[in-house]
Structure formats: C-alpha cells, structure tokens
C-alpha atoms as a PDB file:
ATOM      1  CA  MET A   1       0.374  -0.329   0.580  1.00  0.00           C
ATOM      2  CA  GLU A   2       2.835   2.340   0.733  1.00  0.00           C
ATOM      3  CA  GLU A   3       4.450   1.427  -2.399  1.00  0.00           C
ATOM      4  CA  GLN A   4       1.231   2.384  -4.499  1.00  0.00           C
ATOM      5  CA  ILE A   5       0.506   5.427  -2.225  1.00  0.00           C
ATOM      6  CA  ARG A   6       4.358   7.079  -3.800  1.00  0.00           C
ATOM      7  CA  ASP A   7       3.133   5.685  -7.375  1.00  0.00           C
ATOM      8  CA  ASP A   8      -0.001   7.848  -7.218  1.00  0.00           C
ATOM      9  CA  GLY A   9       1.246  10.376  -4.507  1.00  0.00           C
ATOM     10  CA  SER A  10       1.060  13.165  -7.552  1.00  0.00           C
ATOM     11  CA  TYR A  11      -2.200  13.676  -6.451  1.00  0.00           C
ATOM     12  CA  ARG A  12      -2.843  13.736  -3.140  1.00  0.00           C
ATOM     13  CA  LYS A  13       0.683  14.614  -2.081  1.00  0.00           C
ATOM     14  CA  LEU A  14       0.531  11.831   1.073  1.00  0.00           C
ATOM     15  CA  LYS A  15       3.648  12.107   2.220  1.00  0.00           C
ATOM     16  CA  TYR A  16       3.563  15.817   3.191  1.00  0.00           C
ATOM     17  CA  GLY A  17       0.906  14.740   5.837  1.00  0.00           C
ATOM     18  CA  HIS A  18      -2.574  16.058   6.732  1.00  0.00           C
ATOM     19  CA  ARG A  19      -2.592  19.483   7.936  1.00  0.00           C
ATOM     20  CA  VAL A  20      -4.472  22.448   8.480  1.00  0.00           C
ATOM     21  CA  ILE A  21      -2.569  26.030   7.192  1.00  0.00           C
ATOM     22  CA  TYR A  22      -2.914  28.604   9.467  1.00  0.00           C
ATOM     23  CA  LYS A  23      -1.080  31.850  10.743  1.00  0.00           C
ATOM     24  CA  PRO A  24      -1.980  32.018  14.628  1.00  0.00           C
ATOM     25  CA  ASN A  25      -4.700  34.640  15.505  1.00  0.00           C
ATOM     26  CA  GLU A  26      -4.717  36.023  12.258  1.00  0.00           C
ATOM     27  CA  TRP A  27      -6.237  33.224   9.185  1.00  0.00           C
ATOM     28  CA  VAL A  28      -6.621  30.088   8.997  1.00  0.00           C
ATOM     29  CA  PHE A  29      -7.533  28.064   5.159  1.00  0.00           C
ATOM     30  CA  ILE A  30     -10.160  26.039   4.703  1.00  0.00           C
ATOM     31  CA  HIS A  31      -9.301  24.151   1.682  1.00  0.00           C
ATOM     32  CA  ILE A  32     -13.095  23.757   0.070  1.00  0.00           C
ATOM     33  CA  PRO A  33     -12.565  20.205  -1.915  1.00  0.00           C
ATOM     34  CA  LYS A  34     -12.199  21.051  -6.560  1.00  0.00           C
ATOM     35  CA  ASN A  35     -11.117  25.093  -5.458  1.00  0.00           C
ATOM     36  CA  GLY A  36      -7.941  24.983  -6.833  1.00  0.00           C
ATOM     37  CA  GLY A  37      -6.026  24.960  -2.747  1.00  0.00           C
ATOM     38  CA  THR A  38      -4.153  21.708  -3.638  1.00  0.00           C
ATOM     39  CA  SER A  39      -0.983  23.782  -5.510  1.00  0.00           C
ATOM     40  CA  PHE A  40      -1.270  26.093  -2.117  1.00  0.00           C
ATOM     41  CA  ALA A  41      -1.246  23.744   0.290  1.00  0.00           C
ATOM     42  CA  ALA A  42       1.453  21.051  -1.100  1.00  0.00           C
ATOM     43  CA  GLU A  43       3.877  24.498  -1.417  1.00  0.00           C
ATOM     44  CA  ILE A  44       3.068  25.261   2.493  1.00  0.00           C
ATOM     45  CA  LYS A  45       3.259  21.309   2.841  1.00  0.00           C
ATOM     46  CA  ARG A  46       6.299  20.682   1.138  1.00  0.00           C
ATOM     47  CA  ASN A  47       8.318  24.099   2.326  1.00  0.00           C
ATOM     48  CA  ALA A  48       7.308  24.142   5.898  1.00  0.00           C
ATOM     49  CA  PHE A  49      10.426  25.326   7.536  1.00  0.00           C
ATOM     50  CA  HIS A  50      10.006  28.507   5.193  1.00  0.00           C
ATOM     51  CA  TYR A  51       7.192  29.536   6.141  1.00  0.00           C
ATOM     52  CA  ARG A  52       7.504  28.813   9.305  1.00  0.00           C
ATOM     53  CA  GLN A  53      10.078  31.797   9.593  1.00  0.00           C
ATOM     54  CA  MET A  54       6.954  33.051   7.627  1.00  0.00           C
ATOM     55  CA  GLY A  55       4.930  32.517  10.721  1.00  0.00           C
ATOM     56  CA  ILE A  56       2.251  30.121   8.514  1.00  0.00           C
ATOM     57  CA  HIS A  57       1.989  27.053  11.114  1.00  0.00           C
ATOM     58  CA  LEU A  58       0.522  22.900  10.272  1.00  0.00           C
ATOM     59  CA  LEU A  59      -1.118  21.320  12.680  1.00  0.00           C
ATOM     60  CA  ASP A  60      -1.793  17.654  11.755  1.00  0.00           C
ATOM     61  CA  ILE A  61      -4.976  16.238  12.140  1.00  0.00           C
ATOM     62  CA  SER A  62      -6.598  13.190   9.804  1.00  0.00           C
ATOM     63  CA  PHE A  63      -7.137  12.537   6.207  1.00  0.00           C
ATOM     64  CA  ASN A  64     -10.425  12.386   6.410  1.00  0.00           C
ATOM     65  CA  GLU A  65     -10.701  15.999   8.304  1.00  0.00           C
ATOM     66  CA  ILE A  66      -8.401  18.096   4.882  1.00  0.00           C
ATOM     67  CA  HIS A  67     -11.292  19.348   3.327  1.00  0.00           C
ATOM     68  CA  ASN A  68     -14.109  19.828   7.191  1.00  0.00           C
ATOM     69  CA  GLN A  69     -15.708  22.918   7.592  1.00  0.00           C
ATOM     70  CA  ALA A  70     -14.105  25.935   9.364  1.00  0.00           C
ATOM     71  CA  SER A  71     -16.696  25.846  11.666  1.00  0.00           C
ATOM     72  CA  VAL A  72     -16.297  22.205  12.337  1.00  0.00           C
ATOM     73  CA  LEU A  73     -11.970  22.596  12.683  1.00  0.00           C
ATOM     74  CA  LYS A  74     -12.747  25.831  15.145  1.00  0.00           C
ATOM     75  CA  GLU A  75     -14.537  23.792  17.185  1.00  0.00           C
ATOM     76  CA  ARG A  76     -11.926  20.685  17.187  1.00  0.00           C
ATOM     77  CA  TYR A  77      -8.973  22.613  17.585  1.00  0.00           C
ATOM     78  CA  LYS A  78      -8.616  25.472  19.804  1.00  0.00           C
ATOM     79  CA  GLU A  79      -5.469  26.742  17.758  1.00  0.00           C
ATOM     80  CA  LEU A  80      -8.182  27.998  15.214  1.00  0.00           C
ATOM     81  CA  ARG A  81     -10.527  29.709  16.698  1.00  0.00           C
ATOM     82  CA  ASN A  82      -9.427  33.156  17.133  1.00  0.00           C
ATOM     83  CA  CYS A  83      -8.382  32.528  13.197  1.00  0.00           C
ATOM     84  CA  GLN A  84     -10.801  34.498  10.430  1.00  0.00           C
ATOM     85  CA  THR A  85     -11.480  31.645   7.767  1.00  0.00           C
ATOM     86  CA  VAL A  86     -10.189  32.407   4.034  1.00  0.00           C
ATOM     87  CA  ALA A  87     -10.897  30.134   1.526  1.00  0.00           C
ATOM     88  CA  ILE A  88     -10.668  30.288  -2.071  1.00  0.00           C
ATOM     89  CA  GLY A  89     -14.544  30.308  -4.107  1.00  0.00           C
ATOM     90  CA  ARG A  90     -14.823  28.910  -7.672  1.00  0.00           C
ATOM     91  CA  ASN A  91     -18.017  29.393 -10.033  1.00  0.00           C
ATOM     92  CA  PRO A  92     -19.756  26.127  -9.731  1.00  0.00           C
ATOM     93  CA  TRP A  93     -20.274  24.952 -13.272  1.00  0.00           C
ATOM     94  CA  ALA A  94     -16.810  24.260 -13.655  1.00  0.00           C
ATOM     95  CA  ARG A  95     -16.870  23.168 -10.071  1.00  0.00           C
ATOM     96  CA  CYS A  96     -19.672  20.439 -10.868  1.00  0.00           C
ATOM     97  CA  LEU A  97     -17.775  19.168 -13.962  1.00  0.00           C
ATOM     98  CA  SER A  98     -14.290  19.384 -12.084  1.00  0.00           C
ATOM     99  CA  LEU A  99     -15.764  16.909  -9.378  1.00  0.00           C
ATOM    100  CA  PHE A 100     -17.390  14.393 -12.089  1.00  0.00           C
ATOM    101  CA  THR A 101     -14.101  14.430 -13.670  1.00  0.00           C
ATOM    102  CA  PHE A 102     -11.873  13.521 -10.706  1.00  0.00           C
ATOM    103  CA  ASN A 103     -14.590  11.118  -9.503  1.00  0.00           C
ATOM    104  CA  CYS A 104     -13.564   9.265 -13.040  1.00  0.00           C
ATOM    105  CA  GLU A 105      -9.790   9.713 -12.349  1.00  0.00           C
ATOM    106  CA  ALA A 106      -9.514   8.713  -8.976  1.00  0.00           C
ATOM    107  CA  ALA A 107     -11.697   5.940  -9.339  1.00  0.00           C
ATOM    108  CA  VAL A 108      -9.084   4.444 -11.404  1.00  0.00           C
ATOM    109  CA  ARG A 109      -5.949   5.503  -9.889  1.00  0.00           C
ATOM    110  CA  PRO A 110      -3.590   2.604  -8.232  1.00  0.00           C
ATOM    111  CA  VAL A 111      -4.039   3.211  -4.647  1.00  0.00           C
ATOM    112  CA  ASN A 112      -7.912   3.089  -5.159  1.00  0.00           C
ATOM    113  CA  MET A 113      -8.370   0.207  -7.747  1.00  0.00           C
ATOM    114  CA  GLY A 114      -9.821  -2.599  -6.042  1.00  0.00           C
ATOM    115  CA  GLN A 115     -12.327  -1.013  -3.524  1.00  0.00           C
ATOM    116  CA  ASP A 116     -15.725  -1.361  -3.010  1.00  0.00           C
ATOM    117  CA  TRP A 117     -16.736   2.302  -3.749  1.00  0.00           C
ATOM    118  CA  SER A 118     -14.071   2.647  -6.700  1.00  0.00           C
ATOM    119  CA  LYS A 119     -16.002  -0.332  -8.996  1.00  0.00           C
ATOM    120  CA  PHE A 120     -19.108   1.282  -8.368  1.00  0.00           C
ATOM    121  CA  ILE A 121     -18.293   5.073  -9.024  1.00  0.00           C
ATOM    122  CA  HIS A 122     -16.125   4.773 -11.896  1.00  0.00           C
ATOM    123  CA  PRO A 123     -18.658   2.412 -14.073  1.00  0.00           C
ATOM    124  CA  LYS A 124     -21.562   4.767 -12.898  1.00  0.00           C
ATOM    125  CA  LEU A 125     -19.829   7.771 -13.730  1.00  0.00           C
ATOM    126  CA  LEU A 126     -18.850   6.835 -17.311  1.00  0.00           C
ATOM    127  CA  LYS A 127     -22.527   5.101 -18.036  1.00  0.00           C
ATOM    128  CA  ASP A 128     -24.479   8.038 -16.860  1.00  0.00           C
ATOM    129  CA  GLY A 129     -22.268  10.911 -18.113  1.00  0.00           C
ATOM    130  CA  PHE A 130     -21.603  14.317 -16.674  1.00  0.00           C
ATOM    131  CA  LYS A 131     -25.505  15.586 -17.214  1.00  0.00           C
ATOM    132  CA  LYS A 132     -27.083  13.256 -16.022  1.00  0.00           C
ATOM    133  CA  SER A 133     -25.195  12.716 -12.798  1.00  0.00           C
ATOM    134  CA  TRP A 134     -25.906  16.088 -11.733  1.00  0.00           C
ATOM    135  CA  MET A 135     -30.048  16.084 -12.745  1.00  0.00           C
ATOM    136  CA  PRO A 136     -32.366  15.140 -10.795  1.00  0.00           C
ATOM    137  CA  GLY A 137     -31.848  10.977  -9.707  1.00  0.00           C
ATOM    138  CA  GLY A 138     -28.019  11.688 -10.921  1.00  0.00           C
ATOM    139  CA  HIS A 139     -25.101  10.157  -8.709  1.00  0.00           C
ATOM    140  CA  PHE A 140     -24.789  13.626  -7.166  1.00  0.00           C
ATOM    141  CA  ARG A 141     -28.341  14.443  -6.273  1.00  0.00           C
ATOM    142  CA  ASP A 142     -28.149  10.910  -4.110  1.00  0.00           C
ATOM    143  CA  HIS A 143     -28.875  11.295  -0.527  1.00  0.00           C
ATOM    144  CA  ILE A 144     -27.722   7.894   0.378  1.00  0.00           C
ATOM    145  CA  ALA A 145     -24.501   8.156  -2.197  1.00  0.00           C
ATOM    146  CA  MET A 146     -23.936  11.595  -0.534  1.00  0.00           C
ATOM    147  CA  GLN A 147     -24.185  10.263   2.941  1.00  0.00           C
ATOM    148  CA  ASN A 148     -21.733   6.812   2.773  1.00  0.00           C
ATOM    149  CA  GLY A 149     -19.253  10.041   2.139  1.00  0.00           C
ATOM    150  CA  ILE A 150     -19.136  10.852   5.780  1.00  0.00           C
ATOM    151  CA  THR A 151     -20.689   7.276   6.942  1.00  0.00           C
ATOM    152  CA  HIS A 152     -17.779   5.520   5.677  1.00  0.00           C
ATOM    153  CA  ASN A 153     -14.785   8.375   6.370  1.00  0.00           C
ATOM    154  CA  PRO A 154     -14.765   8.878   9.992  1.00  0.00           C
ATOM    155  CA  LYS A 155     -14.714  12.979  11.001  1.00  0.00           C
ATOM    156  CA  ARG A 156     -15.420  13.561   7.336  1.00  0.00           C
ATOM    157  CA  THR A 157     -18.183  16.254   8.093  1.00  0.00           C
ATOM    158  CA  TRP A 158     -18.563  17.454   4.378  1.00  0.00           C
ATOM    159  CA  ARG A 159     -20.341  15.298   0.940  1.00  0.00           C
ATOM    160  CA  GLU A 160     -19.529  16.335  -2.815  1.00  0.00           C
ATOM    161  CA  ASN A 161     -22.799  18.063  -3.537  1.00  0.00           C
ATOM    162  CA  ASP A 162     -22.723  20.659  -0.510  1.00  0.00           C
ATOM    163  CA  PRO A 163     -22.553  24.002  -1.279  1.00  0.00           C
ATOM    164  CA  GLN A 164     -19.357  25.882  -1.167  1.00  0.00           C
ATOM    165  CA  LEU A 165     -21.043  28.169   1.703  1.00  0.00           C
ATOM    166  CA  LYS A 166     -21.531  25.269   3.675  1.00  0.00           C
ATOM    167  CA  TRP A 167     -17.646  25.208   4.562  1.00  0.00           C
ATOM    168  CA  LEU A 168     -17.709  29.151   5.051  1.00  0.00           C
ATOM    169  CA  ASP A 169     -18.391  31.244   8.540  1.00  0.00           C
ATOM    170  CA  LYS A 170     -20.105  34.606   8.540  1.00  0.00           C
ATOM    171  CA  ASP A 171     -16.306  36.093   8.510  1.00  0.00           C
ATOM    172  CA  ALA A 172     -15.039  34.404   5.764  1.00  0.00           C
ATOM    173  CA  LYS A 173     -12.568  35.578   3.258  1.00  0.00           C
ATOM    174  CA  VAL A 174     -13.080  34.566   0.439  1.00  0.00           C
ATOM    175  CA  PHE A 175     -11.358  34.795  -3.494  1.00  0.00           C
ATOM    176  CA  LYS A 176     -12.724  34.153  -6.511  1.00  0.00           C
ATOM    177  CA  LEU A 177     -10.502  31.054  -8.344  1.00  0.00           C
ATOM    178  CA  GLU A 178     -10.676  32.526 -11.480  1.00  0.00           C
ATOM    179  CA  THR A 179      -9.721  36.647 -10.905  1.00  0.00           C
ATOM    180  CA  GLU A 180      -8.852  36.692  -6.950  1.00  0.00           C
ATOM    181  CA  MET A 181      -5.990  34.540  -6.778  1.00  0.00           C
ATOM    182  CA  LYS A 182      -3.237  37.639  -6.372  1.00  0.00           C
ATOM    183  CA  GLU A 183      -5.196  38.783  -4.097  1.00  0.00           C
ATOM    184  CA  PHE A 184      -5.475  35.827  -2.088  1.00  0.00           C
ATOM    185  CA  TYR A 185      -1.567  35.491  -1.732  1.00  0.00           C
ATOM    186  CA  LYS A 186      -1.281  38.611  -1.352  1.00  0.00           C
ATOM    187  CA  PHE A 187      -3.232  38.663   1.812  1.00  0.00           C
ATOM    188  CA  ILE A 188      -1.798  35.562   2.746  1.00  0.00           C
ATOM    189  CA  GLY A 189       1.263  37.108   2.566  1.00  0.00           C
ATOM    190  CA  ILE A 190       3.529  35.021   0.516  1.00  0.00           C
ATOM    191  CA  PRO A 191       4.765  34.967  -3.147  1.00  0.00           C
ATOM    192  CA  GLU A 192       2.561  33.749  -6.161  1.00  0.00           C
ATOM    193  CA  VAL A 193       2.217  30.167  -6.615  1.00  0.00           C
ATOM    194  CA  LYS A 194       2.477  29.066 -10.634  1.00  0.00           C
ATOM    195  CA  THR A 195       2.784  25.498 -10.524  1.00  0.00           C
ATOM    196  CA  ILE A 196      -1.070  23.721 -10.937  1.00  0.00           C
ATOM    197  CA  MET A 197      -1.196  20.602  -8.927  1.00  0.00           C
ATOM    198  CA  ASN A 198      -4.118  18.115  -9.034  1.00  0.00           C
ATOM    199  CA  LYS A 199      -6.239  19.501 -11.758  1.00  0.00           C
ATOM    200  CA  SER A 200      -8.665  17.869 -13.543  1.00  0.00           C
ATOM    201  CA  LYS A 201      -8.361  17.133 -17.171  1.00  0.00           C
ATOM    202  CA  HIS A 202     -11.351  18.704 -19.383  1.00  0.00           C
ATOM    203  CA  TYR A 203     -11.815  21.259 -22.124  1.00  0.00           C
ATOM    204  CA  HIS A 204     -13.523  24.345 -20.794  1.00  0.00           C
ATOM    205  CA  TYR A 205     -16.490  23.581 -18.727  1.00  0.00           C
ATOM    206  CA  ARG A 206     -19.204  25.420 -21.233  1.00  0.00           C
ATOM    207  CA  LEU A 207     -18.531  22.605 -23.586  1.00  0.00           C
ATOM    208  CA  TYR A 208     -20.185  20.143 -21.500  1.00  0.00           C
ATOM    209  CA  TYR A 209     -23.573  22.031 -20.503  1.00  0.00           C
ATOM    210  CA  ASP A 210     -26.697  21.984 -22.406  1.00  0.00           C
ATOM    211  CA  ASP A 211     -29.103  24.756 -21.684  1.00  0.00           C
ATOM    212  CA  GLU A 212     -31.372  22.095 -19.299  1.00  0.00           C
ATOM    213  CA  LEU A 213     -28.361  21.702 -17.241  1.00  0.00           C
ATOM    214  CA  ARG A 214     -27.162  24.633 -16.968  1.00  0.00           C
ATOM    215  CA  ARG A 215     -30.177  25.812 -15.668  1.00  0.00           C
ATOM    216  CA  GLU A 216     -29.979  22.486 -13.258  1.00  0.00           C
ATOM    217  CA  ILE A 217     -26.687  23.902 -11.645  1.00  0.00           C
ATOM    218  CA  GLY A 218     -27.672  27.104 -11.619  1.00  0.00           C
ATOM    219  CA  SER A 219     -30.622  26.446  -9.500  1.00  0.00           C
ATOM    220  CA  LEU A 220     -28.905  23.705  -7.080  1.00  0.00           C
ATOM    221  CA  TYR A 221     -26.412  26.422  -5.981  1.00  0.00           C
ATOM    222  CA  SER A 222     -27.374  29.836  -6.847  1.00  0.00           C
ATOM    223  CA  ASN A 223     -26.557  31.209  -3.583  1.00  0.00           C
ATOM    224  CA  ASP A 224     -22.637  29.863  -4.151  1.00  0.00           C
ATOM    225  CA  ILE A 225     -23.507  31.745  -7.419  1.00  0.00           C
ATOM    226  CA  ASN A 226     -24.532  34.966  -6.026  1.00  0.00           C
ATOM    227  CA  LYS A 227     -22.078  34.962  -3.545  1.00  0.00           C
ATOM    228  CA  PHE A 228     -19.084  35.231  -5.790  1.00  0.00           C
ATOM    229  CA  ASN A 229     -20.714  36.739  -8.717  1.00  0.00           C
ATOM    230  CA  SER A 230     -20.462  34.384 -10.925  1.00  0.00           C
ATOM    231  CA  THR A 231     -22.078  33.635 -14.939  1.00  0.00           C
ATOM    232  CA  PHE A 232     -22.272  31.092 -17.091  1.00  0.00           C
END
C-alpha cells in the first residue's frame, strides 16, 4: 500500500501529511474540495520550515478532516478559534464538472483500484455521463450516495454535493479562483504559487453543458453563484 501511495502521490501528495494551514490569531485556510487549493497547500507543506519563518503554521489532523468546514475545525482545534477563515471560491458550473471528472479519474488510480467504492463509482459515472450524474436522480443528487461519503469516513463532515457556502463562517474572506488569486496570495502574505497541481483533465466547462443542465446547476447552487457573482 505504501508503495502504491508513493506511485500515485502526485494527486494527493500524502507524504506531506494532512495538515491545516494557519497563521496564529490571524487566518486559517479552509480547503473547499475542487477549488484549486491543493497547489497552495502543497507548496506550504513541501516547504514547511521556510514558511514557518514567515509565521505560517501546520496543524496535524487526520486524512478525513482535511476538507472539513471552518465551524467544525474551529470547534475541534482551539489553535484555530481566533483565526479568520480564508478560502478559495469557484464558479459552481466549473466546479461541478471538476467534481465529475475528478471522481472518474480518482476511482481508477492505483491506490484506489480494487476498492468497493471505486468499482461502483467509475462504471456508474461513465455510463451515466456528466449531465445525468447532476440531474435529479443522478449520482451527485443521490442522498444515500452522498451520505456514504460521511458514513464510511470517520471525522469527515462534508458531502461532495454540498454548496460552497457550507464551508464558510460569517466572517470568512473568500477569493475567487478565476480572478482573485493574486489578491489571495497577497492576503496570505506569500509569493503567488505558479505550479498547478491536482487539476482535473477536461476542456472549458461550457462545452459540457446544455441549457437544461446550466439551469439545473444554476438553481441548485444559486446562493454560491450570488455570493461569488458567478456567471455561466
């Protein structure tokens, strides 16, 4: 298993550990899944000593906690309670495509091949396709399937189809992935990370939508869309 993790480590970088990135009494980075946070997080974890000199700390947590919401992490870890939440927000239409393609790719990676969830998810998503998986009755709209992500992962408190606002508390500072990453790095206080990691492989998200699916996702994540001023 360890050898498999090393071979497949380019997408999770497990050897760097599962850690919350924060600056004591200033900010804590809340990693919303599929919002581009891995590039930033991996840079900090790879060069932990360097960033420690800049006042940035790493808090060890379990693998199943790395994407938990701000309220959950602050409740569990007193070190984070005086920190302002900082996060990266993403256009929901783009994010929904990324969630679909990521699941298709992750299910057949060496570290996951042979697991029951992989054998179920990969054929189902490929058979149904992107649109059907997000329409009513599809995989990402299946309450039982989404709940299983929590049931079978102790300490995980988020569902794959949760709206992004569920990760944020009232004082959160959110930067849009598409247009505000320079401001994000300025706020964090480090040079912009140029290396992109864990990026799903697909063309521009608009190519995968018809009008019906565009409206469906627009309705499903209307609060996120309003929060981030997203347009299709």
